[in-house]
PDB file of N, CA and C in Angstrom:
ATOM      1  N   GLN A   1       7.638  -2.756  20.475  1.00  0.00           N
ATOM      2  CA  GLN A   1       7.506  -3.316  19.135  1.00  0.00           C
ATOM      3  C   GLN A   1       6.378  -2.615  18.401  1.00  0.00           C
ATOM      4  N   VAL A   2       6.612  -2.300  17.154  1.00  0.00           N
ATOM      5  CA  VAL A   2       5.620  -1.610  16.331  1.00  0.00           C
ATOM      6  C   VAL A   2       4.996  -2.596  15.362  1.00  0.00           C
ATOM      7  N   GLN A   3       3.720  -2.445  15.142  1.00  0.00           N
ATOM      8  CA  GLN A   3       3.006  -3.245  14.148  1.00  0.00           C
ATOM      9  C   GLN A   3       2.269  -2.346  13.176  1.00  0.00           C
ATOM     10  N   LEU A   4       2.233  -2.767  11.924  1.00  0.00           N
ATOM     11  CA  LEU A   4       1.433  -2.092  10.909  1.00  0.00           C
ATOM     12  C   LEU A   4       0.321  -3.038  10.496  1.00  0.00           C
ATOM     13  N   VAL A   5      -0.913  -2.568  10.552  1.00  0.00           N
ATOM     14  CA  VAL A   5      -2.059  -3.398  10.197  1.00  0.00           C
ATOM     15  C   VAL A   5      -2.792  -2.737   9.047  1.00  0.00           C
ATOM     16  N   GLU A   6      -2.912  -3.493   7.956  1.00  0.00           N
ATOM     17  CA  GLU A   6      -3.577  -2.994   6.763  1.00  0.00           C
ATOM     18  C   GLU A   6      -5.039  -3.422   6.728  1.00  0.00           C
ATOM     19  N   SER A   7      -5.848  -2.620   6.034  1.00  0.00           N
ATOM     20  CA  SER A   7      -7.232  -2.989   5.783  1.00  0.00           C
ATOM     21  C   SER A   7      -7.702  -2.288   4.518  1.00  0.00           C
ATOM     22  N   GLY A   8      -8.816  -2.773   3.974  1.00  0.00           N
ATOM     23  CA  GLY A   8      -9.446  -2.067   2.875  1.00  0.00           C
ATOM     24  C   GLY A   8      -9.346  -2.710   1.513  1.00  0.00           C
ATOM     25  N   GLY A   9      -8.616  -3.820   1.384  1.00  0.00           N
ATOM     26  CA  GLY A   9      -8.546  -4.468   0.087  1.00  0.00           C
ATOM     27  C   GLY A   9      -9.861  -5.158  -0.257  1.00  0.00           C
ATOM     28  N   GLY A  10      -9.910  -5.719  -1.472  1.00  0.00           N
ATOM     29  CA  GLY A  10     -11.107  -6.436  -1.873  1.00  0.00           C
ATOM     30  C   GLY A  10     -11.220  -6.550  -3.368  1.00  0.00           C
ATOM     31  N   LEU A  11     -12.420  -6.915  -3.812  1.00  0.00           N
ATOM     32  CA  LEU A  11     -12.720  -7.104  -5.226  1.00  0.00           C
ATOM     33  C   LEU A  11     -13.564  -5.933  -5.706  1.00  0.00           C
ATOM     34  N   VAL A  12     -13.162  -5.359  -6.833  1.00  0.00           N
ATOM     35  CA  VAL A  12     -13.890  -4.220  -7.382  1.00  0.00           C
ATOM     36  C   VAL A  12     -13.870  -4.313  -8.903  1.00  0.00           C
ATOM     37  N   GLN A  13     -14.881  -3.776  -9.538  1.00  0.00           N
ATOM     38  CA  GLN A  13     -14.914  -3.757 -10.995  1.00  0.00           C
ATOM     39  C   GLN A  13     -14.019  -2.641 -11.534  1.00  0.00           C
ATOM     40  N   ALA A  14     -13.556  -2.817 -12.739  1.00  0.00           N
ATOM     41  CA  ALA A  14     -12.749  -1.791 -13.378  1.00  0.00           C
ATOM     42  C   ALA A  14     -13.498  -0.456 -13.381  1.00  0.00           C
ATOM     43  N   GLY A  15     -12.752   0.604 -13.067  1.00  0.00           N
ATOM     44  CA  GLY A  15     -13.350   1.921 -12.956  1.00  0.00           C
ATOM     45  C   GLY A  15     -13.787   2.276 -11.550  1.00  0.00           C
ATOM     46  N   GLY A  16     -13.790   1.294 -10.676  1.00  0.00           N
ATOM     47  CA  GLY A  16     -14.217   1.524  -9.303  1.00  0.00           C
ATOM     48  C   GLY A  16     -13.111   2.071  -8.427  1.00  0.00           C
ATOM     49  N   SER A  17     -13.420   2.169  -7.132  1.00  0.00           N
ATOM     50  CA  SER A  17     -12.483   2.769  -6.174  1.00  0.00           C
ATOM     51  C   SER A  17     -12.370   1.898  -4.935  1.00  0.00           C
ATOM     52  N   LEU A  18     -11.216   1.992  -4.310  1.00  0.00           N
ATOM     53  CA  LEU A  18     -10.968   1.378  -3.008  1.00  0.00           C
ATOM     54  C   LEU A  18     -10.075   2.307  -2.204  1.00  0.00           C
ATOM     55  N   ARG A  19     -10.186   2.236  -0.888  1.00  0.00           N
ATOM     56  CA  ARG A  19      -9.257   2.959  -0.030  1.00  0.00           C
ATOM     57  C   ARG A  19      -8.595   1.979   0.924  1.00  0.00           C
ATOM     58  N   LEU A  20      -7.288   1.948   0.878  1.00  0.00           N
ATOM     59  CA  LEU A  20      -6.505   1.121   1.788  1.00  0.00           C
ATOM     60  C   LEU A  20      -6.057   1.956   2.977  1.00  0.00           C
ATOM     61  N   SER A  21      -6.029   1.311   4.131  1.00  0.00           N
ATOM     62  CA  SER A  21      -5.540   1.957   5.348  1.00  0.00           C
ATOM     63  C   SER A  21      -4.394   1.145   5.929  1.00  0.00           C
ATOM     64  N   CYS A  22      -3.523   1.823   6.631  1.00  0.00           N
ATOM     65  CA  CYS A  22      -2.379   1.164   7.270  1.00  0.00           C
ATOM     66  C   CYS A  22      -2.137   1.883   8.590  1.00  0.00           C
ATOM     67  N   ALA A  23      -2.427   1.204   9.693  1.00  0.00           N
ATOM     68  CA  ALA A  23      -2.337   1.829  11.013  1.00  0.00           C
ATOM     69  C   ALA A  23      -1.144   1.272  11.786  1.00  0.00           C
ATOM     70  N   ALA A  24      -0.369   2.170  12.346  1.00  0.00           N
ATOM     71  CA  ALA A  24       0.788   1.773  13.154  1.00  0.00           C
ATOM     72  C   ALA A  24       0.416   1.805  14.631  1.00  0.00           C
ATOM     73  N   SER A  25       0.839   0.777  15.346  1.00  0.00           N
ATOM     74  CA  SER A  25       0.592   0.738  16.787  1.00  0.00           C
ATOM     75  C   SER A  25       1.849   0.262  17.494  1.00  0.00           C
ATOM     76  N   GLY A  26       1.965   0.650  18.749  1.00  0.00           N
ATOM     77  CA  GLY A  26       3.140   0.264  19.528  1.00  0.00           C
ATOM     78  C   GLY A  26       3.404   1.313  20.581  1.00  0.00           C
ATOM     79  N   SER A  27       4.582   1.259  21.116  1.00  0.00           N
ATOM     80  CA  SER A  27       4.897   2.189  22.200  1.00  0.00           C
ATOM     81  C   SER A  27       5.977   3.172  21.789  1.00  0.00           C
ATOM     82  N   ARG A  28       5.711   4.430  21.985  1.00  0.00           N
ATOM     83  CA  ARG A  28       6.656   5.530  21.878  1.00  0.00           C
ATOM     84  C   ARG A  28       7.509   5.492  20.634  1.00  0.00           C
ATOM     85  N   PHE A  29       6.943   5.966  19.557  1.00  0.00           N
ATOM     86  CA  PHE A  29       7.671   6.016  18.306  1.00  0.00           C
ATOM     87  C   PHE A  29       7.239   7.240  17.509  1.00  0.00           C
ATOM     88  N   SER A  30       8.019   7.554  16.519  1.00  0.00           N
ATOM     89  CA  SER A  30       7.639   8.606  15.572  1.00  0.00           C
ATOM     90  C   SER A  30       7.781   8.052  14.158  1.00  0.00           C
ATOM     91  N   ILE A  31       6.912   8.515  13.296  1.00  0.00           N
ATOM     92  CA  ILE A  31       6.871   8.006  11.925  1.00  0.00           C
ATOM     93  C   ILE A  31       7.543   9.010  10.989  1.00  0.00           C
ATOM     94  N   ASN A  32       8.391   8.503  10.153  1.00  0.00           N
ATOM     95  CA  ASN A  32       9.060   9.343   9.155  1.00  0.00           C
ATOM     96  C   ASN A  32       8.346   9.141   7.813  1.00  0.00           C
ATOM     97  N   ASP A  33       9.015   8.583   6.844  1.00  0.00           N
ATOM     98  CA  ASP A  33       8.381   8.345   5.553  1.00  0.00           C
ATOM     99  C   ASP A  33       7.469   7.125   5.610  1.00  0.00           C
ATOM    100  N   MET A  34       6.445   7.146   4.772  1.00  0.00           N
ATOM    101  CA  MET A  34       5.530   6.019   4.650  1.00  0.00           C
ATOM    102  C   MET A  34       5.256   5.785   3.171  1.00  0.00           C
ATOM    103  N   GLY A  35       4.728   4.618   2.864  1.00  0.00           N
ATOM    104  CA  GLY A  35       4.421   4.369   1.456  1.00  0.00           C
ATOM    105  C   GLY A  35       3.762   3.031   1.236  1.00  0.00           C
ATOM    106  N   TRP A  36       3.554   2.755  -0.046  1.00  0.00           N
ATOM    107  CA  TRP A  36       2.894   1.516  -0.469  1.00  0.00           C
ATOM    108  C   TRP A  36       3.668   0.895  -1.628  1.00  0.00           C
ATOM    109  N   TYR A  37       3.808  -0.417  -1.566  1.00  0.00           N
ATOM    110  CA  TYR A  37       4.292  -1.221  -2.671  1.00  0.00           C
ATOM    111  C   TYR A  37       3.169  -2.168  -3.080  1.00  0.00           C
ATOM    112  N   ARG A  38       3.319  -2.768  -4.236  1.00  0.00           N
ATOM    113  CA  ARG A  38       2.404  -3.822  -4.653  1.00  0.00           C
ATOM    114  C   ARG A  38       3.176  -4.883  -5.400  1.00  0.00           C
ATOM    115  N   GLN A  39       2.616  -6.094  -5.367  1.00  0.00           N
ATOM    116  CA  GLN A  39       3.236  -7.215  -6.066  1.00  0.00           C
ATOM    117  C   GLN A  39       2.167  -8.083  -6.686  1.00  0.00           C
ATOM    118  N   ALA A  40       2.222  -8.181  -8.007  1.00  0.00           N
ATOM    119  CA  ALA A  40       1.322  -9.048  -8.744  1.00  0.00           C
ATOM    120  C   ALA A  40       2.004 -10.399  -8.952  1.00  0.00           C
ATOM    121  N   PRO A  41       1.231 -11.469  -9.141  1.00  0.00           N
ATOM    122  CA  PRO A  41       1.831 -12.791  -9.342  1.00  0.00           C
ATOM    123  C   PRO A  41       2.834 -12.796 -10.483  1.00  0.00           C
ATOM    124  N   GLY A  42       4.013 -13.316 -10.216  1.00  0.00           N
ATOM    125  CA  GLY A  42       5.046 -13.400 -11.238  1.00  0.00           C
ATOM    126  C   GLY A  42       5.827 -12.129 -11.451  1.00  0.00           C
ATOM    127  N   ASN A  43       5.453 -11.069 -10.735  1.00  0.00           N
ATOM    128  CA  ASN A  43       6.138  -9.784 -10.903  1.00  0.00           C
ATOM    129  C   ASN A  43       6.945  -9.431  -9.661  1.00  0.00           C
ATOM    130  N   GLN A  44       7.896  -8.526  -9.855  1.00  0.00           N
ATOM    131  CA  GLN A  44       8.637  -8.001  -8.700  1.00  0.00           C
ATOM    132  C   GLN A  44       7.774  -6.990  -7.943  1.00  0.00           C
ATOM    133  N   ARG A  45       8.142  -6.762  -6.686  1.00  0.00           N
ATOM    134  CA  ARG A  45       7.437  -5.767  -5.892  1.00  0.00           C
ATOM    135  C   ARG A  45       7.697  -4.392  -6.492  1.00  0.00           C
ATOM    136  N   GLU A  46       6.636  -3.614  -6.655  1.00  0.00           N
ATOM    137  CA  GLU A  46       6.687  -2.315  -7.336  1.00  0.00           C
ATOM    138  C   GLU A  46       6.296  -1.208  -6.360  1.00  0.00           C
ATOM    139  N   LEU A  47       7.089  -0.137  -6.345  1.00  0.00           N
ATOM    140  CA  LEU A  47       6.744   1.011  -5.514  1.00  0.00           C
ATOM    141  C   LEU A  47       5.559   1.746  -6.135  1.00  0.00           C
ATOM    142  N   VAL A  48       4.537   2.001  -5.324  1.00  0.00           N
ATOM    143  CA  VAL A  48       3.325   2.650  -5.821  1.00  0.00           C
ATOM    144  C   VAL A  48       3.303   4.127  -5.452  1.00  0.00           C
ATOM    145  N   ALA A  49       3.521   4.435  -4.173  1.00  0.00           N
ATOM    146  CA  ALA A  49       3.424   5.819  -3.717  1.00  0.00           C
ATOM    147  C   ALA A  49       4.176   5.962  -2.400  1.00  0.00           C
ATOM    148  N   THR A  50       4.668   7.175  -2.184  1.00  0.00           N
ATOM    149  CA  THR A  50       5.346   7.483  -0.928  1.00  0.00           C
ATOM    150  C   THR A  50       4.881   8.835  -0.412  1.00  0.00           C
ATOM    151  N   ILE A  51       5.023   9.024   0.893  1.00  0.00           N
ATOM    152  CA  ILE A  51       4.723  10.313   1.497  1.00  0.00           C
ATOM    153  C   ILE A  51       5.741  10.546   2.610  1.00  0.00           C
ATOM    154  N   THR A  52       6.319  11.737   2.625  1.00  0.00           N
ATOM    155  CA  THR A  52       7.291  12.058   3.673  1.00  0.00           C
ATOM    156  C   THR A  52       6.562  12.590   4.899  1.00  0.00           C
ATOM    157  N   SER A  53       7.289  12.729   5.984  1.00  0.00           N
ATOM    158  CA  SER A  53       6.689  13.273   7.207  1.00  0.00           C
ATOM    159  C   SER A  53       6.223  14.707   6.995  1.00  0.00           C
ATOM    160  N   GLY A  54       6.805  15.378   6.011  1.00  0.00           N
ATOM    161  CA  GLY A  54       6.392  16.747   5.696  1.00  0.00           C
ATOM    162  C   GLY A  54       5.247  16.823   4.715  1.00  0.00           C
ATOM    163  N   GLY A  55       4.802  15.650   4.247  1.00  0.00           N
ATOM    164  CA  GLY A  55       3.640  15.620   3.371  1.00  0.00           C
ATOM    165  C   GLY A  55       3.946  15.610   1.879  1.00  0.00           C
ATOM    166  N   ARG A  56       5.231  15.528   1.526  1.00  0.00           N
ATOM    167  CA  ARG A  56       5.563  15.463   0.098  1.00  0.00           C
ATOM    168  C   ARG A  56       5.273  14.058  -0.425  1.00  0.00           C
ATOM    169  N   THR A  57       4.618  14.011  -1.575  1.00  0.00           N
ATOM    170  CA  THR A  57       4.199  12.722  -2.146  1.00  0.00           C
ATOM    171  C   THR A  57       4.912  12.433  -3.453  1.00  0.00           C
ATOM    172  N   ASN A  58       4.962  11.142  -3.772  1.00  0.00           N
ATOM    173  CA  ASN A  58       5.555  10.713  -5.036  1.00  0.00           C
ATOM    174  C   ASN A  58       4.800   9.472  -5.479  1.00  0.00           C
ATOM    175  N   TYR A  59       4.616   9.344  -6.800  1.00  0.00           N
ATOM    176  CA  TYR A  59       3.817   8.242  -7.330  1.00  0.00           C
ATOM    177  C   TYR A  59       4.524   7.564  -8.494  1.00  0.00           C
ATOM    178  N   ALA A  60       4.244   6.293  -8.641  1.00  0.00           N
ATOM    179  CA  ALA A  60       4.656   5.585  -9.843  1.00  0.00           C
ATOM    180  C   ALA A  60       3.884   6.163 -11.017  1.00  0.00           C
ATOM    181  N   ASP A  61       4.505   6.188 -12.175  1.00  0.00           N
ATOM    182  CA  ASP A  61       3.845   6.751 -13.358  1.00  0.00           C
ATOM    183  C   ASP A  61       2.531   6.031 -13.650  1.00  0.00           C
ATOM    184  N   SER A  62       2.475   4.752 -13.368  1.00  0.00           N
ATOM    185  CA  SER A  62       1.298   3.948 -13.699  1.00  0.00           C
ATOM    186  C   SER A  62       0.069   4.321 -12.878  1.00  0.00           C
ATOM    187  N   VAL A  63       0.254   5.035 -11.758  1.00  0.00           N
ATOM    188  CA  VAL A  63      -0.897   5.362 -10.907  1.00  0.00           C
ATOM    189  C   VAL A  63      -1.116   6.867 -10.767  1.00  0.00           C
ATOM    190  N   LYS A  64      -0.256   7.662 -11.354  1.00  0.00           N
ATOM    191  CA  LYS A  64      -0.399   9.122 -11.244  1.00  0.00           C
ATOM    192  C   LYS A  64      -1.754   9.565 -11.767  1.00  0.00           C
ATOM    193  N   GLY A  65      -2.399  10.440 -10.999  1.00  0.00           N
ATOM    194  CA  GLY A  65      -3.702  10.959 -11.389  1.00  0.00           C
ATOM    195  C   GLY A  65      -4.855  10.069 -10.986  1.00  0.00           C
ATOM    196  N   ARG A  66      -4.553   8.854 -10.529  1.00  0.00           N
ATOM    197  CA  ARG A  66      -5.620   7.925 -10.126  1.00  0.00           C
ATOM    198  C   ARG A  66      -5.559   7.580  -8.634  1.00  0.00           C
ATOM    199  N   PHE A  67      -4.355   7.489  -8.102  1.00  0.00           N
ATOM    200  CA  PHE A  67      -4.155   7.131  -6.698  1.00  0.00           C
ATOM    201  C   PHE A  67      -3.726   8.354  -5.912  1.00  0.00           C
ATOM    202  N   ALA A  68      -4.069   8.386  -4.629  1.00  0.00           N
ATOM    203  CA  ALA A  68      -3.643   9.470  -3.745  1.00  0.00           C
ATOM    204  C   ALA A  68      -3.252   8.900  -2.394  1.00  0.00           C
ATOM    205  N   ILE A  69      -2.045   9.231  -1.950  1.00  0.00           N
ATOM    206  CA  ILE A  69      -1.566   8.787  -0.646  1.00  0.00           C
ATOM    207  C   ILE A  69      -1.712   9.936   0.342  1.00  0.00           C
ATOM    208  N   SER A  70      -2.083   9.610   1.555  1.00  0.00           N
ATOM    209  CA  SER A  70      -2.209  10.628   2.594  1.00  0.00           C
ATOM    210  C   SER A  70      -1.894  10.021   3.942  1.00  0.00           C
ATOM    211  N   GLY A  71      -1.690  10.881   4.929  1.00  0.00           N
ATOM    212  CA  GLY A  71      -1.382  10.419   6.265  1.00  0.00           C
ATOM    213  C   GLY A  71      -2.147  11.200   7.310  1.00  0.00           C
ATOM    214  N   ASP A  72      -2.457  10.529   8.408  1.00  0.00           N
ATOM    215  CA  ASP A  72      -3.100  11.170   9.551  1.00  0.00           C
ATOM    216  C   ASP A  72      -2.171  10.965  10.745  1.00  0.00           C
ATOM    217  N   ASN A  73      -1.426  11.996  11.084  1.00  0.00           N
ATOM    218  CA  ASN A  73      -0.419  11.863  12.142  1.00  0.00           C
ATOM    219  C   ASN A  73      -1.054  11.542  13.492  1.00  0.00           C
ATOM    220  N   ALA A  74      -2.223  12.097  13.739  1.00  0.00           N
ATOM    221  CA  ALA A  74      -2.884  11.873  15.028  1.00  0.00           C
ATOM    222  C   ALA A  74      -3.276  10.411  15.211  1.00  0.00           C
ATOM    223  N   LYS A  75      -3.565   9.753  14.095  1.00  0.00           N
ATOM    224  CA  LYS A  75      -3.988   8.351  14.152  1.00  0.00           C
ATOM    225  C   LYS A  75      -2.871   7.390  13.771  1.00  0.00           C
ATOM    226  N   ASN A  76      -1.688   7.929  13.459  1.00  0.00           N
ATOM    227  CA  ASN A  76      -0.574   7.088  13.002  1.00  0.00           C
ATOM    228  C   ASN A  76      -1.006   6.165  11.865  1.00  0.00           C
ATOM    229  N   THR A  77      -1.725   6.733  10.938  1.00  0.00           N
ATOM    230  CA  THR A  77      -2.326   5.941   9.861  1.00  0.00           C
ATOM    231  C   THR A  77      -2.037   6.595   8.521  1.00  0.00           C
ATOM    232  N   GLU A  78      -1.762   5.763   7.526  1.00  0.00           N
ATOM    233  CA  GLU A  78      -1.653   6.244   6.151  1.00  0.00           C
ATOM    234  C   GLU A  78      -2.754   5.603   5.323  1.00  0.00           C
ATOM    235  N   TYR A  79      -3.085   6.271   4.236  1.00  0.00           N
ATOM    236  CA  TYR A  79      -4.160   5.822   3.370  1.00  0.00           C
ATOM    237  C   TYR A  79      -3.678   5.831   1.916  1.00  0.00           C
ATOM    238  N   LEU A  80      -4.288   4.963   1.143  1.00  0.00           N
ATOM    239  CA  LEU A  80      -4.082   4.974  -0.295  1.00  0.00           C
ATOM    240  C   LEU A  80      -5.457   4.938  -0.947  1.00  0.00           C
ATOM    241  N   GLN A  81      -5.879   6.076  -1.471  1.00  0.00           N
ATOM    242  CA  GLN A  81      -7.145   6.164  -2.193  1.00  0.00           C
ATOM    243  C   GLN A  81      -6.874   5.795  -3.637  1.00  0.00           C
ATOM    244  N   MET A  82      -7.567   4.770  -4.104  1.00  0.00           N
ATOM    245  CA  MET A  82      -7.351   4.272  -5.454  1.00  0.00           C
ATOM    246  C   MET A  82      -8.630   4.448  -6.265  1.00  0.00           C
ATOM    247  N   ASN A  83      -8.565   5.278  -7.286  1.00  0.00           N
ATOM    248  CA  ASN A  83      -9.703   5.554  -8.152  1.00  0.00           C
ATOM    249  C   ASN A  83      -9.417   5.063  -9.571  1.00  0.00           C
ATOM    250  N   SER A  84     -10.475   4.959 -10.352  1.00  0.00           N
ATOM    251  CA  SER A  84     -10.346   4.526 -11.748  1.00  0.00           C
ATOM    252  C   SER A  84      -9.483   3.274 -11.855  1.00  0.00           C
ATOM    253  N   LEU A  85      -9.791   2.298 -11.032  1.00  0.00           N
ATOM    254  CA  LEU A  85      -8.970   1.093 -10.970  1.00  0.00           C
ATOM    255  C   LEU A  85      -9.039   0.312 -12.277  1.00  0.00           C
ATOM    256  N   LYS A  86      -7.906  -0.313 -12.612  1.00  0.00           N
ATOM    257  CA  LYS A  86      -7.777  -1.096 -13.831  1.00  0.00           C
ATOM    258  C   LYS A  86      -7.416  -2.533 -13.458  1.00  0.00           C
ATOM    259  N   PRO A  87      -7.711  -3.496 -14.317  1.00  0.00           N
ATOM    260  CA  PRO A  87      -7.323  -4.884 -14.023  1.00  0.00           C
ATOM    261  C   PRO A  87      -5.826  -5.021 -13.724  1.00  0.00           C
ATOM    262  N   GLU A  88      -5.004  -4.223 -14.353  1.00  0.00           N
ATOM    263  CA  GLU A  88      -3.565  -4.296 -14.116  1.00  0.00           C
ATOM    264  C   GLU A  88      -3.145  -3.772 -12.747  1.00  0.00           C
ATOM    265  N   ASP A  89      -4.083  -3.193 -11.994  1.00  0.00           N
ATOM    266  CA  ASP A  89      -3.795  -2.790 -10.616  1.00  0.00           C
ATOM    267  C   ASP A  89      -3.933  -3.969  -9.651  1.00  0.00           C
ATOM    268  N   THR A  90      -4.409  -5.093 -10.147  1.00  0.00           N
ATOM    269  CA  THR A  90      -4.569  -6.278  -9.304  1.00  0.00           C
ATOM    270  C   THR A  90      -3.231  -6.723  -8.741  1.00  0.00           C
ATOM    271  N   ALA A  91      -3.160  -6.817  -7.422  1.00  0.00           N
ATOM    272  CA  ALA A  91      -1.901  -7.174  -6.756  1.00  0.00           C
ATOM    273  C   ALA A  91      -2.159  -7.273  -5.258  1.00  0.00           C
ATOM    274  N   VAL A  92      -1.162  -7.756  -4.540  1.00  0.00           N
ATOM    275  CA  VAL A  92      -1.151  -7.620  -3.088  1.00  0.00           C
ATOM    276  C   VAL A  92      -0.448  -6.304  -2.768  1.00  0.00           C
ATOM    277  N   TYR A  93      -1.090  -5.487  -1.980  1.00  0.00           N
ATOM    278  CA  TYR A  93      -0.555  -4.173  -1.638  1.00  0.00           C
ATOM    279  C   TYR A  93       0.031  -4.220  -0.214  1.00  0.00           C
ATOM    280  N   TYR A  94       1.244  -3.710  -0.093  1.00  0.00           N
ATOM    281  CA  TYR A  94       1.949  -3.698   1.187  1.00  0.00           C
ATOM    282  C   TYR A  94       2.277  -2.257   1.587  1.00  0.00           C
ATOM    283  N   CYS A  95       1.929  -1.910   2.808  1.00  0.00           N
ATOM    284  CA  CYS A  95       2.339  -0.596   3.298  1.00  0.00           C
ATOM    285  C   CYS A  95       3.654  -0.741   4.056  1.00  0.00           C
ATOM    286  N   TYR A  96       4.366   0.354   4.162  1.00  0.00           N
ATOM    287  CA  TYR A  96       5.562   0.382   4.996  1.00  0.00           C
ATOM    288  C   TYR A  96       5.615   1.721   5.717  1.00  0.00           C
ATOM    289  N   ALA A  97       6.373   1.744   6.795  1.00  0.00           N
ATOM    290  CA  ALA A  97       6.608   2.986   7.526  1.00  0.00           C
ATOM    291  C   ALA A  97       8.014   2.947   8.106  1.00  0.00           C
ATOM    292  N   ASP A  98       8.724   4.031   7.964  1.00  0.00           N
ATOM    293  CA  ASP A  98      10.057   4.175   8.570  1.00  0.00           C
ATOM    294  C   ASP A  98       9.859   4.826   9.931  1.00  0.00           C
ATOM    295  N   ILE A  99      10.084   4.028  10.967  1.00  0.00           N
ATOM    296  CA  ILE A  99       9.700   4.415  12.317  1.00  0.00           C
ATOM    297  C   ILE A  99      10.925   4.511  13.207  1.00  0.00           C
ATOM    298  N   THR A 100      10.985   5.617  13.969  1.00  0.00           N
ATOM    299  CA  THR A 100      12.069   5.821  14.917  1.00  0.00           C
ATOM    300  C   THR A 100      11.565   5.524  16.326  1.00  0.00           C
ATOM    301  N   ALA A 101      12.253   4.617  16.991  1.00  0.00           N
ATOM    302  CA  ALA A 101      11.886   4.267  18.357  1.00  0.00           C
ATOM    303  C   ALA A 101      12.409   5.329  19.323  1.00  0.00           C
ATOM    304  N   ALA A 102      11.544   5.779  20.213  1.00  0.00           N
ATOM    305  CA  ALA A 102      11.943   6.829  21.155  1.00  0.00           C
ATOM    306  C   ALA A 102      13.062   6.353  22.080  1.00  0.00           C
ATOM    307  N   ALA A 103      13.025   5.079  22.430  1.00  0.00           N
ATOM    308  CA  ALA A 103      13.981   4.557  23.413  1.00  0.00           C
ATOM    309  C   ALA A 103      15.403   4.482  22.869  1.00  0.00           C
ATOM    310  N   THR A 104      15.526   4.207  21.561  1.00  0.00           N
ATOM    311  CA  THR A 104      16.853   3.958  20.975  1.00  0.00           C
ATOM    312  C   THR A 104      17.267   4.986  19.932  1.00  0.00           C
ATOM    313  N   SER A 105      16.294   5.723  19.404  1.00  0.00           N
ATOM    314  CA  SER A 105      16.519   6.651  18.282  1.00  0.00           C
ATOM    315  C   SER A 105      16.919   5.925  17.003  1.00  0.00           C
ATOM    316  N   PHE A 106      16.750   4.610  16.964  1.00  0.00           N
ATOM    317  CA  PHE A 106      17.005   3.865  15.728  1.00  0.00           C
ATOM    318  C   PHE A 106      15.777   3.912  14.842  1.00  0.00           C
ATOM    319  N   THR A 107      16.004   3.991  13.536  1.00  0.00           N
ATOM    320  CA  THR A 107      14.918   3.994  12.566  1.00  0.00           C
ATOM    321  C   THR A 107      14.884   2.654  11.852  1.00  0.00           C
ATOM    322  N   THR A 108      13.711   2.070  11.806  1.00  0.00           N
ATOM    323  CA  THR A 108      13.507   0.757  11.205  1.00  0.00           C
ATOM    324  C   THR A 108      12.338   0.833  10.244  1.00  0.00           C
ATOM    325  N   ARG A 109      12.440   0.096   9.141  1.00  0.00           N
ATOM    326  CA  ARG A 109      11.303   0.019   8.213  1.00  0.00           C
ATOM    327  C   ARG A 109      10.425  -1.161   8.643  1.00  0.00           C
ATOM    328  N   TYR A 110       9.178  -0.859   8.896  1.00  0.00           N
ATOM    329  CA  TYR A 110       8.195  -1.878   9.215  1.00  0.00           C
ATOM    330  C   TYR A 110       7.241  -2.062   8.040  1.00  0.00           C
ATOM    331  N   TRP A 111       6.703  -3.287   7.930  1.00  0.00           N
ATOM    332  CA  TRP A 111       5.818  -3.638   6.817  1.00  0.00           C
ATOM    333  C   TRP A 111       4.478  -4.130   7.332  1.00  0.00           C
ATOM    334  N   GLY A 112       3.441  -3.794   6.573  1.00  0.00           N
ATOM    335  CA  GLY A 112       2.138  -4.378   6.823  1.00  0.00           C
ATOM    336  C   GLY A 112       2.086  -5.806   6.303  1.00  0.00           C
ATOM    337  N   GLN A 113       0.974  -6.473   6.604  1.00  0.00           N
ATOM    338  CA  GLN A 113       0.846  -7.886   6.266  1.00  0.00           C
ATOM    339  C   GLN A 113       0.448  -8.119   4.814  1.00  0.00           C
ATOM    340  N   GLY A 114       0.055  -7.062   4.141  1.00  0.00           N
ATOM    341  CA  GLY A 114      -0.380  -7.177   2.752  1.00  0.00           C
ATOM    342  C   GLY A 114      -1.891  -7.346   2.671  1.00  0.00           C
ATOM    343  N   THR A 115      -2.473  -6.733   1.664  1.00  0.00           N
ATOM    344  CA  THR A 115      -3.909  -6.862   1.420  1.00  0.00           C
ATOM    345  C   THR A 115      -4.142  -7.017  -0.072  1.00  0.00           C
ATOM    346  N   GLN A 116      -5.025  -7.954  -0.415  1.00  0.00           N
ATOM    347  CA  GLN A 116      -5.277  -8.274  -1.825  1.00  0.00           C
ATOM    348  C   GLN A 116      -6.249  -7.272  -2.432  1.00  0.00           C
ATOM    349  N   VAL A 117      -5.867  -6.752  -3.573  1.00  0.00           N
ATOM    350  CA  VAL A 117      -6.754  -5.908  -4.380  1.00  0.00           C
ATOM    351  C   VAL A 117      -6.937  -6.614  -5.717  1.00  0.00           C
ATOM    352  N   THR A 118      -8.183  -6.896  -6.060  1.00  0.00           N
ATOM    353  CA  THR A 118      -8.494  -7.557  -7.319  1.00  0.00           C
ATOM    354  C   THR A 118      -9.464  -6.689  -8.102  1.00  0.00           C
ATOM    355  N   VAL A 119      -9.091  -6.357  -9.327  1.00  0.00           N
ATOM    356  CA  VAL A 119      -9.919  -5.524 -10.189  1.00  0.00           C
ATOM    357  C   VAL A 119     -10.383  -6.374 -11.364  1.00  0.00           C
ATOM    358  N   SER A 120     -11.676  -6.548 -11.477  1.00  0.00           N
ATOM    359  CA  SER A 120     -12.230  -7.371 -12.562  1.00  0.00           C
ATOM    360  C   SER A 120     -12.559  -6.496 -13.764  1.00  0.00           C
ATOM    361  N   SER A 121     -12.436  -7.106 -14.940  1.00  0.00           N
ATOM    362  CA  SER A 121     -12.699  -6.338 -16.166  1.00  0.00           C
ATOM    363  C   SER A 121     -14.152  -6.434 -16.567  1.00  0.00           C
TER     364      SER A 121
END
């Protein structure tokens, strides 16, 4: 069984920065695509950023130039560096990873538990 554990959320003033981490643990797996979604109260879950196993990234227009997604294959961890934060970035952020189990070769999307990011004006 694979688990994704998020960390790094919190309260920050507008213009500040935060870095979110998402670490995968478990037995014998490989990670394919990874990414982050966010959900603000009353809103639908929104895709924020993605990164492929080859390192290709994609961002929502609302965060381009401010957020950066990266991965550390050795640590099975992805990161979301968030700079120039705005109050409208306030949301619960969820990481995901598309993981292939070595035993079955099946690929499953796993989700982190979510971490709150609050940006004050």
